[in-house]
All heavy atoms as atom14 arrays in JSON, in Angstrom:
{
  "sequence": "LTMSLGPQHLNFLDGAHGGALFSLAEKAVRHVA",
  "atom14_mask": [
    [1, 1, 1, 1, 1, 1, 1, 1, 0, 0, 0, 0, 0, 0],
    [1, 1, 1, 1, 1, 1, 1, 0, 0, 0, 0, 0, 0, 0],
    [1, 1, 1, 1, 1, 1, 1, 1, 0, 0, 0, 0, 0, 0],
    [1, 1, 1, 1, 1, 1, 0, 0, 0, 0, 0, 0, 0, 0],
    [1, 1, 1, 1, 1, 1, 1, 1, 0, 0, 0, 0, 0, 0],
    [1, 1, 1, 1, 0, 0, 0, 0, 0, 0, 0, 0, 0, 0],
    [1, 1, 1, 1, 1, 1, 1, 0, 0, 0, 0, 0, 0, 0],
    [1, 1, 1, 1, 1, 1, 1, 1, 1, 0, 0, 0, 0, 0],
    [1, 1, 1, 1, 1, 1, 1, 1, 1, 1, 0, 0, 0, 0],
    [1, 1, 1, 1, 1, 1, 1, 1, 0, 0, 0, 0, 0, 0],
    [1, 1, 1, 1, 1, 1, 1, 1, 0, 0, 0, 0, 0, 0],
    [1, 1, 1, 1, 1, 1, 1, 1, 1, 1, 1, 0, 0, 0],
    [1, 1, 1, 1, 1, 1, 1, 1, 0, 0, 0, 0, 0, 0],
    [1, 1, 1, 1, 1, 1, 1, 1, 0, 0, 0, 0, 0, 0],
    [1, 1, 1, 1, 0, 0, 0, 0, 0, 0, 0, 0, 0, 0],
    [1, 1, 1, 1, 1, 0, 0, 0, 0, 0, 0, 0, 0, 0],
    [1, 1, 1, 1, 1, 1, 1, 1, 1, 1, 0, 0, 0, 0],
    [1, 1, 1, 1, 0, 0, 0, 0, 0, 0, 0, 0, 0, 0],
    [1, 1, 1, 1, 0, 0, 0, 0, 0, 0, 0, 0, 0, 0],
    [1, 1, 1, 1, 1, 0, 0, 0, 0, 0, 0, 0, 0, 0],
    [1, 1, 1, 1, 1, 1, 1, 1, 0, 0, 0, 0, 0, 0],
    [1, 1, 1, 1, 1, 1, 1, 1, 1, 1, 1, 0, 0, 0],
    [1, 1, 1, 1, 1, 1, 0, 0, 0, 0, 0, 0, 0, 0],
    [1, 1, 1, 1, 1, 1, 1, 1, 0, 0, 0, 0, 0, 0],
    [1, 1, 1, 1, 1, 0, 0, 0, 0, 0, 0, 0, 0, 0],
    [1, 1, 1, 1, 1, 1, 1, 1, 1, 0, 0, 0, 0, 0],
    [1, 1, 1, 1, 1, 1, 1, 1, 1, 0, 0, 0, 0, 0],
    [1, 1, 1, 1, 1, 0, 0, 0, 0, 0, 0, 0, 0, 0],
    [1, 1, 1, 1, 1, 1, 1, 0, 0, 0, 0, 0, 0, 0],
    [1, 1, 1, 1, 1, 1, 1, 1, 1, 1, 1, 0, 0, 0],
    [1, 1, 1, 1, 1, 1, 1, 1, 1, 1, 0, 0, 0, 0],
    [1, 1, 1, 1, 1, 1, 1, 0, 0, 0, 0, 0, 0, 0],
    [1, 1, 1, 1, 1, 0, 0, 0, 0, 0, 0, 0, 0, 0]
  ],
  "atom14_positions": [
    [[7.61, -5.56, 6.4], [6.17, -5.51, 6.58], [5.53, -6.01, 5.29], [6.12, -5.88, 4.22], [5.69, -4.08, 6.86], [5.85, -3.61, 8.31], [7.28, -3.29, 8.62], [4.98, -2.4, 8.55], [0.0, 0.0, 0.0], [0.0, 0.0, 0.0], [0.0, 0.0, 0.0], [0.0, 0.0, 0.0], [0.0, 0.0, 0.0], [0.0, 0.0, 0.0]],
    [[4.34, -6.61, 5.39], [3.67, -7.15, 4.2], [2.25, -6.62, 4.08], [1.64, -6.19, 5.06], [3.63, -8.69, 4.23], [2.9, -9.11, 5.38], [5.02, -9.3, 4.25], [0.0, 0.0, 0.0], [0.0, 0.0, 0.0], [0.0, 0.0, 0.0], [0.0, 0.0, 0.0], [0.0, 0.0, 0.0], [0.0, 0.0, 0.0], [0.0, 0.0, 0.0]],
    [[1.74, -6.68, 2.84], [0.36, -6.32, 2.55], [-0.07, -7.11, 1.33], [0.61, -7.09, 0.31], [0.26, -4.82, 2.26], [-1.13, -4.34, 1.91], [-1.23, -2.53, 1.71], [-0.36, -2.31, 0.15], [0.0, 0.0, 0.0], [0.0, 0.0, 0.0], [0.0, 0.0, 0.0], [0.0, 0.0, 0.0], [0.0, 0.0, 0.0], [0.0, 0.0, 0.0]],
    [[-1.16, -7.85, 1.46], [-1.72, -8.6, 0.33], [-2.75, -7.72, -0.37], [-3.65, -7.19, 0.27], [-2.37, -9.89, 0.79], [-1.38, -10.76, 1.32], [0.0, 0.0, 0.0], [0.0, 0.0, 0.0], [0.0, 0.0, 0.0], [0.0, 0.0, 0.0], [0.0, 0.0, 0.0], [0.0, 0.0, 0.0], [0.0, 0.0, 0.0], [0.0, 0.0, 0.0]],
    [[-2.59, -7.56, -1.68], [-3.47, -6.67, -2.43], [-4.85, -7.28, -2.63], [-4.98, -8.38, -3.17], [-2.86, -6.33, -3.79], [-1.58, -5.5, -3.78], [-1.09, -5.26, -5.2], [-1.8, -4.18, -3.06], [0.0, 0.0, 0.0], [0.0, 0.0, 0.0], [0.0, 0.0, 0.0], [0.0, 0.0, 0.0], [0.0, 0.0, 0.0], [0.0, 0.0, 0.0]],
    [[-5.84, -6.55, -2.18], [-7.24, -6.92, -2.39], [-7.92, -5.82, -3.18], [-7.28, -4.85, -3.6], [0.0, 0.0, 0.0], [0.0, 0.0, 0.0], [0.0, 0.0, 0.0], [0.0, 0.0, 0.0], [0.0, 0.0, 0.0], [0.0, 0.0, 0.0], [0.0, 0.0, 0.0], [0.0, 0.0, 0.0], [0.0, 0.0, 0.0], [0.0, 0.0, 0.0]],
    [[-9.22, -5.92, -3.36], [-9.94, -4.92, -4.15], [-9.85, -3.51, -3.57], [-9.89, -2.53, -4.31], [-11.38, -5.42, -4.17], [-11.46, -6.53, -3.2], [-10.08, -6.99, -2.89], [0.0, 0.0, 0.0], [0.0, 0.0, 0.0], [0.0, 0.0, 0.0], [0.0, 0.0, 0.0], [0.0, 0.0, 0.0], [0.0, 0.0, 0.0], [0.0, 0.0, 0.0]],
    [[-9.68, -3.38, -2.26], [-9.58, -2.07, -1.63], [-8.26, -1.36, -1.93], [-8.12, -0.17, -1.66], [-9.8, -2.17, -0.11], [-8.66, -2.8, 0.67], [-8.71, -4.32, 0.74], [-9.28, -4.99, -0.11], [-8.09, -4.87, 1.78], [0.0, 0.0, 0.0], [0.0, 0.0, 0.0], [0.0, 0.0, 0.0], [0.0, 0.0, 0.0], [0.0, 0.0, 0.0]],
    [[-7.29, -2.07, -2.5], [-5.98, -1.5, -2.81], [-5.83, -1.11, -4.27], [-4.75, -0.68, -4.68], [-4.87, -2.53, -2.5], [-4.86, -2.99, -1.09], [-5.3, -4.24, -0.72], [-4.48, -2.38, 0.06], [-5.17, -4.38, 0.59], [-4.68, -3.26, 1.09], [0.0, 0.0, 0.0], [0.0, 0.0, 0.0], [0.0, 0.0, 0.0], [0.0, 0.0, 0.0]],
    [[-6.87, -1.28, -5.07], [-6.75, -1.11, -6.52], [-7.26, 0.25, -6.98], [-8.18, 0.83, -6.42], [-7.51, -2.22, -7.23], [-7.12, -3.66, -6.86], [-7.95, -4.65, -7.66], [-5.63, -3.89, -7.03], [0.0, 0.0, 0.0], [0.0, 0.0, 0.0], [0.0, 0.0, 0.0], [0.0, 0.0, 0.0], [0.0, 0.0, 0.0], [0.0, 0.0, 0.0]],
    [[-6.66, 0.73, -8.09], [-7.12, 1.96, -8.7], [-8.14, 1.64, -9.8], [-8.52, 0.47, -9.97], [-5.93, 2.76, -9.26], [-5.14, 2.01, -10.31], [-5.65, 1.12, -11.0], [-3.87, 2.36, -10.45], [0.0, 0.0, 0.0], [0.0, 0.0, 0.0], [0.0, 0.0, 0.0], [0.0, 0.0, 0.0], [0.0, 0.0, 0.0], [0.0, 0.0, 0.0]],
    [[-8.55, 2.63, -10.56], [-9.58, 2.43, -11.58], [-9.11, 1.56, -12.75], [-9.93, 1.12, -13.55], [-10.1, 3.78, -12.09], [-9.08, 4.56, -12.88], [-9.09, 4.52, -14.27], [-8.13, 5.34, -12.24], [-8.16, 5.24, -15.0], [-7.19, 6.05, -12.97], [-7.21, 6.01, -14.36], [0.0, 0.0, 0.0], [0.0, 0.0, 0.0], [0.0, 0.0, 0.0]],
    [[-7.83, 1.29, -12.82], [-7.28, 0.4, -13.85], [-7.06, -1.01, -13.32], [-6.44, -1.84, -13.98], [-5.96, 0.97, -14.38], [-6.05, 2.34, -15.05], [-4.66, 2.88, -15.35], [-6.88, 2.26, -16.32], [0.0, 0.0, 0.0], [0.0, 0.0, 0.0], [0.0, 0.0, 0.0], [0.0, 0.0, 0.0], [0.0, 0.0, 0.0], [0.0, 0.0, 0.0]],
    [[-7.56, -1.29, -12.11], [-7.4, -2.58, -11.44], [-5.95, -2.92, -11.14], [-5.57, -4.08, -11.04], [-8.06, -3.73, -12.23], [-9.57, -3.64, -12.21], [-10.11, -3.13, -11.2], [-10.2, -4.07, -13.18], [0.0, 0.0, 0.0], [0.0, 0.0, 0.0], [0.0, 0.0, 0.0], [0.0, 0.0, 0.0], [0.0, 0.0, 0.0], [0.0, 0.0, 0.0]],
    [[-5.12, -1.89, -10.96], [-3.73, -2.07, -10.53], [-3.56, -1.52, -9.13], [-4.44, -0.84, -8.58], [0.0, 0.0, 0.0], [0.0, 0.0, 0.0], [0.0, 0.0, 0.0], [0.0, 0.0, 0.0], [0.0, 0.0, 0.0], [0.0, 0.0, 0.0], [0.0, 0.0, 0.0], [0.0, 0.0, 0.0], [0.0, 0.0, 0.0], [0.0, 0.0, 0.0]],
    [[-2.42, -1.8, -8.54], [-2.14, -1.32, -7.19], [-2.21, 0.21, -7.15], [-1.58, 0.89, -7.97], [-0.76, -1.8, -6.74], [0.0, 0.0, 0.0], [0.0, 0.0, 0.0], [0.0, 0.0, 0.0], [0.0, 0.0, 0.0], [0.0, 0.0, 0.0], [0.0, 0.0, 0.0], [0.0, 0.0, 0.0], [0.0, 0.0, 0.0], [0.0, 0.0, 0.0]],
    [[-2.98, 0.74, -6.23], [-3.13, 2.19, -6.08], [-1.87, 2.77, -5.44], [-1.35, 2.22, -4.46], [-4.35, 2.49, -5.21], [-4.77, 3.91, -5.24], [-4.09, 4.91, -4.59], [-5.81, 4.52, -5.87], [-4.68, 6.06, -4.79], [-5.74, 5.85, -5.57], [0.0, 0.0, 0.0], [0.0, 0.0, 0.0], [0.0, 0.0, 0.0], [0.0, 0.0, 0.0]],
    [[-1.4, 3.88, -5.99], [-0.2, 4.52, -5.45], [-0.35, 4.91, -3.99], [0.62, 4.86, -3.23], [0.0, 0.0, 0.0], [0.0, 0.0, 0.0], [0.0, 0.0, 0.0], [0.0, 0.0, 0.0], [0.0, 0.0, 0.0], [0.0, 0.0, 0.0], [0.0, 0.0, 0.0], [0.0, 0.0, 0.0], [0.0, 0.0, 0.0], [0.0, 0.0, 0.0]],
    [[-1.56, 5.26, -3.57], [-1.78, 5.62, -2.17], [-1.62, 4.44, -1.24], [-1.1, 4.58, -0.12], [0.0, 0.0, 0.0], [0.0, 0.0, 0.0], [0.0, 0.0, 0.0], [0.0, 0.0, 0.0], [0.0, 0.0, 0.0], [0.0, 0.0, 0.0], [0.0, 0.0, 0.0], [0.0, 0.0, 0.0], [0.0, 0.0, 0.0], [0.0, 0.0, 0.0]],
    [[-2.03, 3.26, -1.69], [-1.84, 2.05, -0.88], [-0.36, 1.71, -0.77], [0.12, 1.34, 0.3], [-2.62, 0.88, -1.48], [0.0, 0.0, 0.0], [0.0, 0.0, 0.0], [0.0, 0.0, 0.0], [0.0, 0.0, 0.0], [0.0, 0.0, 0.0], [0.0, 0.0, 0.0], [0.0, 0.0, 0.0], [0.0, 0.0, 0.0], [0.0, 0.0, 0.0]],
    [[0.37, 1.87, -1.87], [1.81, 1.6, -1.86], [2.53, 2.58, -0.94], [3.4, 2.2, -0.16], [2.37, 1.66, -3.27], [1.8, 0.64, -4.25], [2.33, 0.9, -5.66], [2.09, -0.77, -3.8], [0.0, 0.0, 0.0], [0.0, 0.0, 0.0], [0.0, 0.0, 0.0], [0.0, 0.0, 0.0], [0.0, 0.0, 0.0], [0.0, 0.0, 0.0]],
    [[2.15, 3.87, -1.04], [2.75, 4.87, -0.17], [2.45, 4.54, 1.29], [3.34, 4.65, 2.14], [2.23, 6.28, -0.51], [2.88, 7.35, 0.33], [4.06, 7.95, -0.09], [2.33, 7.73, 1.55], [4.66, 8.93, 0.69], [2.94, 8.7, 2.33], [4.1, 9.31, 1.9], [0.0, 0.0, 0.0], [0.0, 0.0, 0.0], [0.0, 0.0, 0.0]],
    [[1.21, 4.16, 1.59], [0.84, 3.85, 2.97], [1.67, 2.7, 3.54], [2.1, 2.75, 4.69], [-0.64, 3.5, 3.06], [-1.44, 4.63, 2.81], [0.0, 0.0, 0.0], [0.0, 0.0, 0.0], [0.0, 0.0, 0.0], [0.0, 0.0, 0.0], [0.0, 0.0, 0.0], [0.0, 0.0, 0.0], [0.0, 0.0, 0.0], [0.0, 0.0, 0.0]],
    [[1.9, 1.66, 2.74], [2.73, 0.54, 3.19], [4.15, 1.01, 3.48], [4.71, 0.72, 4.54], [2.74, -0.57, 2.14], [3.72, -1.73, 2.38], [3.41, -2.46, 3.68], [3.7, -2.68, 1.19], [0.0, 0.0, 0.0], [0.0, 0.0, 0.0], [0.0, 0.0, 0.0], [0.0, 0.0, 0.0], [0.0, 0.0, 0.0], [0.0, 0.0, 0.0]],
    [[4.73, 1.76, 2.56], [6.12, 2.22, 2.73], [6.24, 3.2, 3.89], [7.18, 3.11, 4.69], [6.62, 2.84, 1.43], [0.0, 0.0, 0.0], [0.0, 0.0, 0.0], [0.0, 0.0, 0.0], [0.0, 0.0, 0.0], [0.0, 0.0, 0.0], [0.0, 0.0, 0.0], [0.0, 0.0, 0.0], [0.0, 0.0, 0.0], [0.0, 0.0, 0.0]],
    [[5.29, 4.11, 4.02], [5.33, 5.1, 5.11], [5.19, 4.41, 6.46], [5.87, 4.74, 7.42], [4.22, 6.13, 4.9], [4.22, 7.26, 5.92], [3.35, 7.0, 7.13], [2.5, 6.08, 7.08], [3.51, 7.7, 8.14], [0.0, 0.0, 0.0], [0.0, 0.0, 0.0], [0.0, 0.0, 0.0], [0.0, 0.0, 0.0], [0.0, 0.0, 0.0]],
    [[4.3, 3.43, 6.54], [4.13, 2.69, 7.8], [5.41, 1.95, 8.15], [5.8, 1.88, 9.32], [2.95, 1.71, 7.7], [2.73, 0.92, 8.96], [2.47, 1.86, 10.15], [2.28, 1.06, 11.43], [1.95, 1.94, 12.56], [0.0, 0.0, 0.0], [0.0, 0.0, 0.0], [0.0, 0.0, 0.0], [0.0, 0.0, 0.0], [0.0, 0.0, 0.0]],
    [[6.07, 1.41, 7.14], [7.32, 0.7, 7.39], [8.38, 1.64, 7.97], [9.08, 1.29, 8.93], [7.82, 0.06, 6.09], [0.0, 0.0, 0.0], [0.0, 0.0, 0.0], [0.0, 0.0, 0.0], [0.0, 0.0, 0.0], [0.0, 0.0, 0.0], [0.0, 0.0, 0.0], [0.0, 0.0, 0.0], [0.0, 0.0, 0.0], [0.0, 0.0, 0.0]],
    [[8.49, 2.84, 7.42], [9.45, 3.82, 7.95], [9.11, 4.16, 9.4], [9.98, 4.12, 10.27], [9.45, 5.11, 7.09], [10.18, 6.25, 7.81], [10.08, 4.85, 5.73], [0.0, 0.0, 0.0], [0.0, 0.0, 0.0], [0.0, 0.0, 0.0], [0.0, 0.0, 0.0], [0.0, 0.0, 0.0], [0.0, 0.0, 0.0], [0.0, 0.0, 0.0]],
    [[7.86, 4.5, 9.66], [7.48, 4.89, 11.02], [7.64, 3.73, 12.0], [8.02, 3.93, 13.15], [6.07, 5.44, 11.04], [5.99, 6.83, 10.42], [4.6, 7.42, 10.42], [3.88, 7.26, 11.66], [3.91, 8.13, 12.69], [4.66, 9.2, 12.61], [3.2, 7.91, 13.76], [0.0, 0.0, 0.0], [0.0, 0.0, 0.0], [0.0, 0.0, 0.0]],
    [[7.38, 2.51, 11.55], [7.53, 1.34, 12.42], [8.99, 1.19, 12.86], [9.27, 0.97, 14.05], [7.06, 0.09, 11.68], [7.12, -1.16, 12.49], [6.21, -1.44, 13.49], [8.0, -2.19, 12.47], [6.52, -2.6, 14.05], [7.59, -3.07, 13.44], [0.0, 0.0, 0.0], [0.0, 0.0, 0.0], [0.0, 0.0, 0.0], [0.0, 0.0, 0.0]],
    [[9.9, 1.31, 11.93], [11.32, 1.17, 12.27], [11.81, 2.37, 13.07], [12.53, 2.21, 14.05], [12.16, 0.98, 10.99], [13.64, 1.05, 11.28], [11.81, -0.35, 10.34], [0.0, 0.0, 0.0], [0.0, 0.0, 0.0], [0.0, 0.0, 0.0], [0.0, 0.0, 0.0], [0.0, 0.0, 0.0], [0.0, 0.0, 0.0], [0.0, 0.0, 0.0]],
    [[11.4, 3.57, 12.66], [11.89, 4.78, 13.33], [11.37, 4.9, 14.76], [11.98, 5.6, 15.57], [11.48, 6.01, 12.52], [0.0, 0.0, 0.0], [0.0, 0.0, 0.0], [0.0, 0.0, 0.0], [0.0, 0.0, 0.0], [0.0, 0.0, 0.0], [0.0, 0.0, 0.0], [0.0, 0.0, 0.0], [0.0, 0.0, 0.0], [0.0, 0.0, 0.0]]
  ]
}
């Protein structure tokens, strides 16, 4: 599964937000399972 990082995925340091990363990984697990 893929996700392109946009402004909605960033934290206050302008880096990838951990919640967005978790959401991508969790969705991938549920998709396969």
